[in-house]
Amino acid sequence: MDTDRLIRRKQLLGLIGLSCSTQWRLEKAGLFPARVKLGAGSVGWHLVEVEEWVRGRERVAKRAFGEGS
C-alpha cells in the first residue's frame, strides 16, 4: 500500500490540469479535496485524495461520451 503524502500547488495543478482559479472555486464549493495547512502561508493537498478526485472525473467524462459504464 502506498503511503499518503502531501503535494504543493505546483504539483497539484500539473496533476489536475486546471487553473489555480478553477481549482480554488471547486474547493470552495466542496467539489475538490480540501487543503491542509502546513504553516504560515503554506498549504498542501493529500495526494491520495487528489488522485481519487481525478479518477472520479475520468469516470464522469467516459459516461458523458458513452465510453463505459
C-alpha atoms as a PDB file:
ATOM      1  CA  MET A   1       0.000   0.000   0.000  1.00  0.00           C
ATOM      2  CA  ASP A   2       1.305   3.437  -0.904  1.00  0.00           C
ATOM      3  CA  THR A   3       1.745   5.904   1.897  1.00  0.00           C
ATOM      4  CA  ASP A   4      -0.106   9.165   1.516  1.00  0.00           C
ATOM      5  CA  ARG A   5       1.936  12.298   1.047  1.00  0.00           C
ATOM      6  CA  LEU A   6       1.187  15.958   0.695  1.00  0.00           C
ATOM      7  CA  ILE A   7       1.711  17.817  -2.547  1.00  0.00           C
ATOM      8  CA  ARG A   8       2.077  21.547  -3.099  1.00  0.00           C
ATOM      9  CA  ARG A   9       0.114  23.729  -5.519  1.00  0.00           C
ATOM     10  CA  LYS A  10       2.501  23.479  -8.498  1.00  0.00           C
ATOM     11  CA  GLN A  11       2.378  19.686  -8.484  1.00  0.00           C
ATOM     12  CA  LEU A  12      -1.374  19.733  -7.810  1.00  0.00           C
ATOM     13  CA  LEU A  13      -2.105  21.885 -10.838  1.00  0.00           C
ATOM     14  CA  GLY A  14       0.070  19.670 -13.018  1.00  0.00           C
ATOM     15  CA  LEU A  15      -1.893  16.599 -11.929  1.00  0.00           C
ATOM     16  CA  ILE A  16      -5.382  18.017 -12.368  1.00  0.00           C
ATOM     17  CA  GLY A  17      -4.876  20.119 -15.495  1.00  0.00           C
ATOM     18  CA  LEU A  18      -6.933  23.047 -14.213  1.00  0.00           C
ATOM     19  CA  SER A  19      -6.068  26.635 -13.488  1.00  0.00           C
ATOM     20  CA  CYS A  20      -5.451  27.846  -9.962  1.00  0.00           C
ATOM     21  CA  SER A  21      -8.700  29.847 -10.024  1.00  0.00           C
ATOM     22  CA  THR A  22     -10.805  26.908 -11.192  1.00  0.00           C
ATOM     23  CA  GLN A  23      -9.293  24.597  -8.591  1.00  0.00           C
ATOM     24  CA  TRP A  24      -9.962  27.171  -5.870  1.00  0.00           C
ATOM     25  CA  ARG A  25     -13.609  27.590  -6.947  1.00  0.00           C
ATOM     26  CA  LEU A  26     -14.150  23.819  -6.943  1.00  0.00           C
ATOM     27  CA  GLU A  27     -12.562  23.527  -3.499  1.00  0.00           C
ATOM     28  CA  LYS A  28     -14.648  26.398  -2.132  1.00  0.00           C
ATOM     29  CA  ALA A  29     -17.814  24.720  -3.477  1.00  0.00           C
ATOM     30  CA  GLY A  30     -16.861  21.438  -1.777  1.00  0.00           C
ATOM     31  CA  LEU A  31     -16.236  19.690  -5.113  1.00  0.00           C
ATOM     32  CA  PHE A  32     -12.491  19.238  -4.644  1.00  0.00           C
ATOM     33  CA  PRO A  33     -10.374  17.836  -1.780  1.00  0.00           C
ATOM     34  CA  ALA A  34      -9.711  20.358   0.969  1.00  0.00           C
ATOM     35  CA  ARG A  35      -6.268  21.829   1.500  1.00  0.00           C
ATOM     36  CA  VAL A  36      -4.184  21.107   4.571  1.00  0.00           C
ATOM     37  CA  LYS A  37      -2.469  23.987   6.329  1.00  0.00           C
ATOM     38  CA  LEU A  38       1.247  23.272   6.622  1.00  0.00           C
ATOM     39  CA  GLY A  39       2.357  26.521   8.203  1.00  0.00           C
ATOM     40  CA  ALA A  40       2.026  30.263   7.877  1.00  0.00           C
ATOM     41  CA  GLY A  41       1.083  30.868   4.244  1.00  0.00           C
ATOM     42  CA  SER A  42       1.798  27.278   3.225  1.00  0.00           C
ATOM     43  CA  VAL A  43      -0.751  24.656   2.167  1.00  0.00           C
ATOM     44  CA  GLY A  44      -0.775  21.221   0.583  1.00  0.00           C
ATOM     45  CA  TRP A  45      -3.204  18.510  -0.537  1.00  0.00           C
ATOM     46  CA  HIS A  46      -3.282  14.799   0.188  1.00  0.00           C
ATOM     47  CA  LEU A  47      -2.088  13.077  -2.991  1.00  0.00           C
ATOM     48  CA  VAL A  48      -4.395  10.085  -2.411  1.00  0.00           C
ATOM     49  CA  GLU A  49      -7.461  12.358  -2.271  1.00  0.00           C
ATOM     50  CA  VAL A  50      -6.421  14.263  -5.395  1.00  0.00           C
ATOM     51  CA  GLU A  51      -5.788  11.044  -7.343  1.00  0.00           C
ATOM     52  CA  GLU A  52      -9.224   9.729  -6.347  1.00  0.00           C
ATOM     53  CA  TRP A  53     -10.808  13.017  -7.478  1.00  0.00           C
ATOM     54  CA  VAL A  54      -9.054  12.709 -10.855  1.00  0.00           C
ATOM     55  CA  ARG A  55     -10.251   9.091 -11.262  1.00  0.00           C
ATOM     56  CA  GLY A  56     -13.794  10.230 -10.473  1.00  0.00           C
ATOM     57  CA  ARG A  57     -13.614  12.908 -13.152  1.00  0.00           C
ATOM     58  CA  GLU A  58     -12.383  10.337 -15.683  1.00  0.00           C
ATOM     59  CA  ARG A  59     -15.393   8.102 -14.931  1.00  0.00           C
ATOM     60  CA  VAL A  60     -17.791  11.011 -15.398  1.00  0.00           C
ATOM     61  CA  ALA A  61     -16.159  12.014 -18.696  1.00  0.00           C
ATOM     62  CA  LYS A  62     -16.349   8.439 -20.041  1.00  0.00           C
ATOM     63  CA  ARG A  63     -20.047   8.213 -19.174  1.00  0.00           C
ATOM     64  CA  ALA A  64     -20.749  11.578 -20.757  1.00  0.00           C
ATOM     65  CA  PHE A  65     -19.240  10.371 -24.038  1.00  0.00           C
ATOM     66  CA  GLY A  66     -20.713   6.859 -23.805  1.00  0.00           C
ATOM     67  CA  GLU A  67     -17.329   5.174 -23.376  1.00  0.00           C
ATOM     68  CA  GLY A  68     -18.076   2.901 -20.455  1.00  0.00           C
ATOM     69  CA  SER A  69     -20.375   2.138 -17.615  1.00  0.00           C
END
